[in-house]
PDB file of all heavy atoms in Angstrom:
ATOM      1  N   ASP A   1       9.792  54.689  20.735  1.00  0.00           N
ATOM      2  CA  ASP A   1       8.690  53.715  20.273  1.00  0.00           C
ATOM      3  C   ASP A   1       8.303  52.832  21.460  1.00  0.00           C
ATOM      4  O   ASP A   1       8.607  51.656  21.489  1.00  0.00           O
ATOM      5  CB  ASP A   1       9.207  52.938  19.102  1.00  0.00           C
ATOM      6  CG  ASP A   1       8.098  52.242  18.417  1.00  0.00           C
ATOM      7  OD1 ASP A   1       6.903  52.442  18.839  1.00  0.00           O
ATOM      8  OD2 ASP A   1       8.322  51.474  17.546  1.00  0.00           O
ATOM      9  N   ILE A   2       7.778  53.443  22.521  1.00  0.00           N
ATOM     10  CA  ILE A   2       7.357  52.736  23.760  1.00  0.00           C
ATOM     11  C   ILE A   2       5.899  53.176  23.913  1.00  0.00           C
ATOM     12  O   ILE A   2       5.471  54.297  23.797  1.00  0.00           O
ATOM     13  CB  ILE A   2       8.185  53.170  24.871  1.00  0.00           C
ATOM     14  CG1 ILE A   2       9.725  52.803  24.691  1.00  0.00           C
ATOM     15  CG2 ILE A   2       7.753  52.622  26.206  1.00  0.00           C
ATOM     16  CD1 ILE A   2      10.673  53.406  25.629  1.00  0.00           C
ATOM     17  N   HIS A   3       5.056  52.260  24.268  1.00  0.00           N
ATOM     18  CA  HIS A   3       3.576  52.590  24.589  1.00  0.00           C
ATOM     19  C   HIS A   3       3.555  53.446  25.817  1.00  0.00           C
ATOM     20  O   HIS A   3       4.092  53.262  26.886  1.00  0.00           O
ATOM     21  CB  HIS A   3       2.799  51.329  24.688  1.00  0.00           C
ATOM     22  CG  HIS A   3       2.899  50.502  25.880  1.00  0.00           C
ATOM     23  ND1 HIS A   3       4.008  49.901  26.227  1.00  0.00           N
ATOM     24  CD2 HIS A   3       2.028  50.226  26.956  1.00  0.00           C
ATOM     25  CE1 HIS A   3       3.917  49.135  27.377  1.00  0.00           C
ATOM     26  NE2 HIS A   3       2.637  49.377  27.794  1.00  0.00           N
ATOM     27  N   GLY A   4       2.805  54.538  25.520  1.00  0.00           N
ATOM     28  CA  GLY A   4       2.611  55.530  26.677  1.00  0.00           C
ATOM     29  C   GLY A   4       1.798  56.680  26.103  1.00  0.00           C
ATOM     30  O   GLY A   4       1.627  56.838  24.890  1.00  0.00           O
ATOM     31  N   VAL A   5       1.405  57.563  27.008  1.00  0.00           N
ATOM     32  CA  VAL A   5       0.614  58.724  26.534  1.00  0.00           C
ATOM     33  C   VAL A   5       1.574  59.784  26.145  1.00  0.00           C
ATOM     34  O   VAL A   5       2.822  59.819  26.362  1.00  0.00           O
ATOM     35  CB  VAL A   5      -0.277  59.230  27.756  1.00  0.00           C
ATOM     36  CG1 VAL A   5      -1.239  58.192  28.129  1.00  0.00           C
ATOM     37  CG2 VAL A   5       0.518  59.667  28.891  1.00  0.00           C
ATOM     38  N   GLU A   6       1.118  60.781  25.407  1.00  0.00           N
ATOM     39  CA  GLU A   6       1.736  62.065  25.039  1.00  0.00           C
ATOM     40  C   GLU A   6       2.604  61.858  23.762  1.00  0.00           C
ATOM     41  O   GLU A   6       3.148  60.844  23.493  1.00  0.00           O
ATOM     42  CB  GLU A   6       2.567  62.552  26.170  1.00  0.00           C
ATOM     43  CG  GLU A   6       2.871  64.053  26.067  1.00  0.00           C
ATOM     44  CD  GLU A   6       3.472  64.585  27.355  1.00  0.00           C
ATOM     45  OE1 GLU A   6       3.959  63.761  28.232  1.00  0.00           O
ATOM     46  OE2 GLU A   6       3.511  65.855  27.505  1.00  0.00           O
ATOM     47  N   THR A   7       2.569  62.986  22.964  1.00  0.00           N
ATOM     48  CA  THR A   7       3.330  62.983  21.713  1.00  0.00           C
ATOM     49  C   THR A   7       4.809  62.648  21.919  1.00  0.00           C
ATOM     50  O   THR A   7       5.465  63.147  22.881  1.00  0.00           O
ATOM     51  CB  THR A   7       3.213  64.369  21.146  1.00  0.00           C
ATOM     52  OG1 THR A   7       1.786  64.732  20.976  1.00  0.00           O
ATOM     53  CG2 THR A   7       3.889  64.406  19.761  1.00  0.00           C
ATOM     54  N   GLY A   8       5.292  61.777  21.113  1.00  0.00           N
ATOM     55  CA  GLY A   8       6.649  61.291  21.322  1.00  0.00           C
ATOM     56  C   GLY A   8       6.712  59.850  21.897  1.00  0.00           C
ATOM     57  O   GLY A   8       7.842  59.340  21.997  1.00  0.00           O
ATOM     58  N   ARG A   9       5.590  59.329  22.250  1.00  0.00           N
ATOM     59  CA  ARG A   9       5.532  57.913  22.589  1.00  0.00           C
ATOM     60  C   ARG A   9       4.500  57.237  21.726  1.00  0.00           C
ATOM     61  O   ARG A   9       3.717  58.041  20.928  1.00  0.00           O
ATOM     62  CB  ARG A   9       5.103  57.819  24.074  1.00  0.00           C
ATOM     63  CG  ARG A   9       6.091  58.366  25.072  1.00  0.00           C
ATOM     64  CD  ARG A   9       5.685  57.976  26.515  1.00  0.00           C
ATOM     65  NE  ARG A   9       6.499  58.629  27.568  1.00  0.00           N
ATOM     66  CZ  ARG A   9       6.145  59.725  28.232  1.00  0.00           C
ATOM     67  NH1 ARG A   9       5.149  60.399  27.928  1.00  0.00           N
ATOM     68  NH2 ARG A   9       7.025  60.262  29.109  1.00  0.00           N
ATOM     69  N   ASN A  10       4.424  55.912  21.798  1.00  0.00           N
ATOM     70  CA  ASN A  10       3.508  55.206  20.885  1.00  0.00           C
ATOM     71  C   ASN A  10       2.103  55.159  21.495  1.00  0.00           C
ATOM     72  O   ASN A  10       1.604  54.082  21.962  1.00  0.00           O
ATOM     73  CB  ASN A  10       4.160  53.788  20.736  1.00  0.00           C
ATOM     74  CG  ASN A  10       3.488  52.973  19.691  1.00  0.00           C
ATOM     75  OD1 ASN A  10       2.559  53.470  19.031  1.00  0.00           O
ATOM     76  ND2 ASN A  10       3.966  51.886  19.375  1.00  0.00           N
ATOM     77  N   TRP A  11       1.395  56.299  21.510  1.00  0.00           N
ATOM     78  CA  TRP A  11       0.093  56.484  22.066  1.00  0.00           C
ATOM     79  C   TRP A  11      -1.027  56.039  21.317  1.00  0.00           C
ATOM     80  O   TRP A  11      -2.149  55.780  21.872  1.00  0.00           O
ATOM     81  CB  TRP A  11       0.022  57.888  22.576  1.00  0.00           C
ATOM     82  CG  TRP A  11      -0.186  58.860  21.417  1.00  0.00           C
ATOM     83  CD1 TRP A  11       0.893  59.470  20.794  1.00  0.00           C
ATOM     84  CD2 TRP A  11      -1.364  59.327  20.868  1.00  0.00           C
ATOM     85  NE1 TRP A  11       0.320  60.320  19.874  1.00  0.00           N
ATOM     86  CE2 TRP A  11      -0.997  60.192  19.807  1.00  0.00           C
ATOM     87  CE3 TRP A  11      -2.700  59.037  21.017  1.00  0.00           C
ATOM     88  CZ2 TRP A  11      -1.997  60.883  18.960  1.00  0.00           C
ATOM     89  CZ3 TRP A  11      -3.633  59.646  20.224  1.00  0.00           C
ATOM     90  CH2 TRP A  11      -3.193  60.520  19.185  1.00  0.00           C
ATOM     91  N   VAL A  12      -0.889  56.011  19.985  1.00  0.00           N
ATOM     92  CA  VAL A  12      -2.012  55.665  19.170  1.00  0.00           C
ATOM     93  C   VAL A  12      -1.806  54.444  18.255  1.00  0.00           C
ATOM     94  O   VAL A  12      -2.803  53.706  18.036  1.00  0.00           O
ATOM     95  CB  VAL A  12      -2.474  56.893  18.247  1.00  0.00           C
ATOM     96  CG1 VAL A  12      -1.347  57.372  17.290  1.00  0.00           C
ATOM     97  CG2 VAL A  12      -3.823  56.686  17.583  1.00  0.00           C
ATOM     98  N   HIS A  13      -0.638  54.245  17.817  1.00  0.00           N
ATOM     99  CA  HIS A  13      -0.313  53.138  16.881  1.00  0.00           C
ATOM    100  C   HIS A  13      -1.254  52.803  15.841  1.00  0.00           C
ATOM    101  O   HIS A  13      -2.040  51.745  15.897  1.00  0.00           O
ATOM    102  CB  HIS A  13      -0.044  51.882  17.845  1.00  0.00           C
ATOM    103  CG  HIS A  13       0.652  50.767  17.140  1.00  0.00           C
ATOM    104  ND1 HIS A  13       1.956  50.512  17.485  1.00  0.00           N
ATOM    105  CD2 HIS A  13       0.341  49.972  16.136  1.00  0.00           C
ATOM    106  CE1 HIS A  13       2.377  49.512  16.745  1.00  0.00           C
ATOM    107  NE2 HIS A  13       1.422  49.144  15.891  1.00  0.00           N
ATOM    108  N   VAL A  14      -1.419  53.684  14.870  1.00  0.00           N
ATOM    109  CA  VAL A  14      -2.333  53.463  13.716  1.00  0.00           C
ATOM    110  C   VAL A  14      -1.681  52.380  12.870  1.00  0.00           C
ATOM    111  O   VAL A  14      -0.571  52.451  12.522  1.00  0.00           O
ATOM    112  CB  VAL A  14      -2.473  54.707  12.993  1.00  0.00           C
ATOM    113  CG1 VAL A  14      -3.355  54.430  11.576  1.00  0.00           C
ATOM    114  CG2 VAL A  14      -3.275  55.725  13.758  1.00  0.00           C
ATOM    115  N   ASN A  15      -2.543  51.304  12.525  1.00  0.00           N
ATOM    116  CA  ASN A  15      -2.000  50.184  11.758  1.00  0.00           C
ATOM    117  C   ASN A  15      -2.724  49.965  10.476  1.00  0.00           C
ATOM    118  O   ASN A  15      -2.358  49.058   9.669  1.00  0.00           O
ATOM    119  CB  ASN A  15      -1.987  48.948  12.679  1.00  0.00           C
ATOM    120  CG  ASN A  15      -3.334  48.623  13.308  1.00  0.00           C
ATOM    121  OD1 ASN A  15      -4.360  48.777  12.773  1.00  0.00           O
ATOM    122  ND2 ASN A  15      -3.188  48.309  14.582  1.00  0.00           N
ATOM    123  N   SER A  16      -3.809  50.701  10.167  1.00  0.00           N
ATOM    124  CA  SER A  16      -4.464  50.645   8.943  1.00  0.00           C
ATOM    125  C   SER A  16      -5.069  51.947   8.560  1.00  0.00           C
ATOM    126  O   SER A  16      -5.484  52.696   9.394  1.00  0.00           O
ATOM    127  CB  SER A  16      -5.509  49.594   8.821  1.00  0.00           C
ATOM    128  OG  SER A  16      -6.618  49.871   9.412  1.00  0.00           O
ATOM    129  N   VAL A  17      -5.122  52.254   7.204  1.00  0.00           N
ATOM    130  CA  VAL A  17      -5.810  53.477   6.842  1.00  0.00           C
ATOM    131  C   VAL A  17      -6.603  53.040   5.590  1.00  0.00           C
ATOM    132  O   VAL A  17      -6.182  52.332   4.707  1.00  0.00           O
ATOM    133  CB  VAL A  17      -4.702  54.567   6.290  1.00  0.00           C
ATOM    134  CG1 VAL A  17      -5.423  55.762   5.991  1.00  0.00           C
ATOM    135  CG2 VAL A  17      -3.679  54.658   7.330  1.00  0.00           C
ATOM    136  N   ASP A  18      -7.875  53.586   5.526  1.00  0.00           N
ATOM    137  CA  ASP A  18      -8.758  53.360   4.334  1.00  0.00           C
ATOM    138  C   ASP A  18      -9.331  54.706   3.966  1.00  0.00           C
ATOM    139  O   ASP A  18      -9.260  55.616   4.799  1.00  0.00           O
ATOM    140  CB  ASP A  18      -9.825  52.358   4.769  1.00  0.00           C
ATOM    141  CG  ASP A  18     -10.423  51.746   3.428  1.00  0.00           C
ATOM    142  OD1 ASP A  18      -9.982  51.987   2.348  1.00  0.00           O
ATOM    143  OD2 ASP A  18     -11.449  51.007   3.615  1.00  0.00           O
ATOM    144  N   TYR A  19      -9.894  54.782   2.750  1.00  0.00           N
ATOM    145  CA  TYR A  19     -10.422  55.990   2.289  1.00  0.00           C
ATOM    146  C   TYR A  19     -11.779  55.874   1.880  1.00  0.00           C
ATOM    147  O   TYR A  19     -12.175  54.803   1.255  1.00  0.00           O
ATOM    148  CB  TYR A  19      -9.631  56.510   1.091  1.00  0.00           C
ATOM    149  CG  TYR A  19     -10.014  57.748   0.429  1.00  0.00           C
ATOM    150  CD1 TYR A  19      -9.956  59.020   1.053  1.00  0.00           C
ATOM    151  CD2 TYR A  19     -10.688  57.696  -0.834  1.00  0.00           C
ATOM    152  CE1 TYR A  19     -10.366  60.154   0.414  1.00  0.00           C
ATOM    153  CE2 TYR A  19     -11.112  58.846  -1.533  1.00  0.00           C
ATOM    154  CZ  TYR A  19     -11.000  60.107  -0.858  1.00  0.00           C
ATOM    155  OH  TYR A  19     -11.350  61.287  -1.413  1.00  0.00           O
ATOM    156  N   ASP A  20     -12.651  56.786   2.292  1.00  0.00           N
ATOM    157  CA  ASP A  20     -14.061  56.743   1.877  1.00  0.00           C
ATOM    158  C   ASP A  20     -14.332  57.982   0.869  1.00  0.00           C
ATOM    159  O   ASP A  20     -14.442  59.079   1.383  1.00  0.00           O
ATOM    160  CB  ASP A  20     -15.033  56.943   3.063  1.00  0.00           C
ATOM    161  CG  ASP A  20     -16.493  56.677   2.749  1.00  0.00           C
ATOM    162  OD1 ASP A  20     -16.874  56.710   1.554  1.00  0.00           O
ATOM    163  OD2 ASP A  20     -17.252  56.611   3.674  1.00  0.00           O
ATOM    164  N   PRO A  21     -14.459  57.715  -0.509  1.00  0.00           N
ATOM    165  CA  PRO A  21     -14.651  58.729  -1.378  1.00  0.00           C
ATOM    166  C   PRO A  21     -15.992  59.459  -1.321  1.00  0.00           C
ATOM    167  O   PRO A  21     -16.120  60.503  -1.741  1.00  0.00           O
ATOM    168  CB  PRO A  21     -14.426  58.042  -2.696  1.00  0.00           C
ATOM    169  CG  PRO A  21     -14.813  56.604  -2.499  1.00  0.00           C
ATOM    170  CD  PRO A  21     -14.457  56.371  -1.070  1.00  0.00           C
ATOM    171  N   GLU A  22     -17.026  58.844  -0.603  1.00  0.00           N
ATOM    172  CA  GLU A  22     -18.234  59.383  -0.571  1.00  0.00           C
ATOM    173  C   GLU A  22     -18.277  60.642   0.255  1.00  0.00           C
ATOM    174  O   GLU A  22     -19.066  61.587  -0.031  1.00  0.00           O
ATOM    175  CB  GLU A  22     -19.243  58.416   0.134  1.00  0.00           C
ATOM    176  CG  GLU A  22     -19.545  57.166  -0.737  1.00  0.00           C
ATOM    177  CD  GLU A  22     -20.594  56.260  -0.144  1.00  0.00           C
ATOM    178  OE1 GLU A  22     -21.252  56.624   0.952  1.00  0.00           O
ATOM    179  OE2 GLU A  22     -20.856  55.158  -0.657  1.00  0.00           O
ATOM    180  N   ASP A  23     -17.430  60.843   1.237  1.00  0.00           N
ATOM    181  CA  ASP A  23     -17.368  62.136   1.971  1.00  0.00           C
ATOM    182  C   ASP A  23     -15.885  62.577   2.203  1.00  0.00           C
ATOM    183  O   ASP A  23     -15.590  63.368   3.024  1.00  0.00           O
ATOM    184  CB  ASP A  23     -18.009  61.935   3.412  1.00  0.00           C
ATOM    185  CG  ASP A  23     -17.452  60.845   4.183  1.00  0.00           C
ATOM    186  OD1 ASP A  23     -16.489  60.136   3.793  1.00  0.00           O
ATOM    187  OD2 ASP A  23     -17.943  60.620   5.344  1.00  0.00           O
ATOM    188  N   ASP A  24     -14.986  62.047   1.340  1.00  0.00           N
ATOM    189  CA  ASP A  24     -13.517  62.423   1.298  1.00  0.00           C
ATOM    190  C   ASP A  24     -12.998  62.395   2.682  1.00  0.00           C
ATOM    191  O   ASP A  24     -12.434  63.271   3.210  1.00  0.00           O
ATOM    192  CB  ASP A  24     -13.470  63.880   0.783  1.00  0.00           C
ATOM    193  CG  ASP A  24     -12.084  64.237   0.442  1.00  0.00           C
ATOM    194  OD1 ASP A  24     -11.234  63.406   0.199  1.00  0.00           O
ATOM    195  OD2 ASP A  24     -11.854  65.519   0.443  1.00  0.00           O
ATOM    196  N   SER A  25     -13.113  61.294   3.309  1.00  0.00           N
ATOM    197  CA  SER A  25     -12.552  60.934   4.630  1.00  0.00           C
ATOM    198  C   SER A  25     -11.752  59.837   4.792  1.00  0.00           C
ATOM    199  O   SER A  25     -11.712  58.957   3.837  1.00  0.00           O
ATOM    200  CB  SER A  25     -13.798  60.870   5.718  1.00  0.00           C
ATOM    201  OG  SER A  25     -14.549  59.788   5.343  1.00  0.00           O
ATOM    202  N   ILE A  26     -11.004  59.643   5.841  1.00  0.00           N
ATOM    203  CA  ILE A  26     -10.265  58.498   6.084  1.00  0.00           C
ATOM    204  C   ILE A  26     -10.690  57.670   7.304  1.00  0.00           C
ATOM    205  O   ILE A  26     -11.268  58.270   8.199  1.00  0.00           O
ATOM    206  CB  ILE A  26      -8.634  58.884   6.255  1.00  0.00           C
ATOM    207  CG1 ILE A  26      -8.474  59.743   7.465  1.00  0.00           C
ATOM    208  CG2 ILE A  26      -8.151  59.549   5.055  1.00  0.00           C
ATOM    209  CD1 ILE A  26      -7.107  60.096   7.818  1.00  0.00           C
ATOM    210  N   ILE A  27     -10.454  56.363   7.171  1.00  0.00           N
ATOM    211  CA  ILE A  27     -10.833  55.473   8.358  1.00  0.00           C
ATOM    212  C   ILE A  27      -9.567  54.838   8.931  1.00  0.00           C
ATOM    213  O   ILE A  27      -8.765  54.252   8.113  1.00  0.00           O
ATOM    214  CB  ILE A  27     -11.787  54.415   7.876  1.00  0.00           C
ATOM    215  CG1 ILE A  27     -13.125  55.118   7.336  1.00  0.00           C
ATOM    216  CG2 ILE A  27     -12.111  53.443   8.930  1.00  0.00           C
ATOM    217  CD1 ILE A  27     -14.050  54.068   6.647  1.00  0.00           C
ATOM    218  N   LEU A  28      -9.321  54.920  10.193  1.00  0.00           N
ATOM    219  CA  LEU A  28      -8.120  54.510  10.842  1.00  0.00           C
ATOM    220  C   LEU A  28      -8.401  53.487  11.861  1.00  0.00           C
ATOM    221  O   LEU A  28      -9.335  53.522  12.612  1.00  0.00           O
ATOM    222  CB  LEU A  28      -7.403  55.671  11.436  1.00  0.00           C
ATOM    223  CG  LEU A  28      -7.119  56.899  10.725  1.00  0.00           C
ATOM    224  CD1 LEU A  28      -6.534  58.005  11.640  1.00  0.00           C
ATOM    225  CD2 LEU A  28      -6.399  56.624   9.484  1.00  0.00           C
ATOM    226  N   SER A  29      -7.507  52.432  12.004  1.00  0.00           N
ATOM    227  CA  SER A  29      -7.508  51.453  13.048  1.00  0.00           C
ATOM    228  C   SER A  29      -6.348  51.864  14.004  1.00  0.00           C
ATOM    229  O   SER A  29      -5.255  51.967  13.525  1.00  0.00           O
ATOM    230  CB  SER A  29      -7.407  50.056  12.580  1.00  0.00           C
ATOM    231  OG  SER A  29      -7.077  49.208  13.590  1.00  0.00           O
ATOM    232  N   SER A  30      -6.665  51.994  15.292  1.00  0.00           N
ATOM    233  CA  SER A  30      -5.718  52.321  16.266  1.00  0.00           C
ATOM    234  C   SER A  30      -5.602  51.244  17.296  1.00  0.00           C
ATOM    235  O   SER A  30      -6.508  50.997  18.089  1.00  0.00           O
ATOM    236  CB  SER A  30      -6.139  53.677  16.952  1.00  0.00           C
ATOM    237  OG  SER A  30      -5.337  53.832  18.102  1.00  0.00           O
ATOM    238  N   ARG A  31      -4.387  50.617  17.343  1.00  0.00           N
ATOM    239  CA  ARG A  31      -4.227  49.568  18.255  1.00  0.00           C
ATOM    240  C   ARG A  31      -4.253  50.116  19.661  1.00  0.00           C
ATOM    241  O   ARG A  31      -4.855  49.552  20.656  1.00  0.00           O
ATOM    242  CB  ARG A  31      -2.926  48.823  18.056  1.00  0.00           C
ATOM    243  CG  ARG A  31      -2.701  47.637  18.962  1.00  0.00           C
ATOM    244  CD  ARG A  31      -1.381  46.965  18.779  1.00  0.00           C
ATOM    245  NE  ARG A  31      -1.450  45.593  19.346  1.00  0.00           N
ATOM    246  CZ  ARG A  31      -1.049  45.328  20.625  1.00  0.00           C
ATOM    247  NH1 ARG A  31      -0.616  46.372  21.390  1.00  0.00           N
ATOM    248  NH2 ARG A  31      -1.192  44.130  21.209  1.00  0.00           N
TER     249      ARG A  31
END
């Protein structure tokens, strides 16, 4: 859990998820 690139590090840090039923999609905030 260290910020850095590549899978296995904290490269994206998604901190919220929302759903849009109009097109069955998700909305993500990435720190």
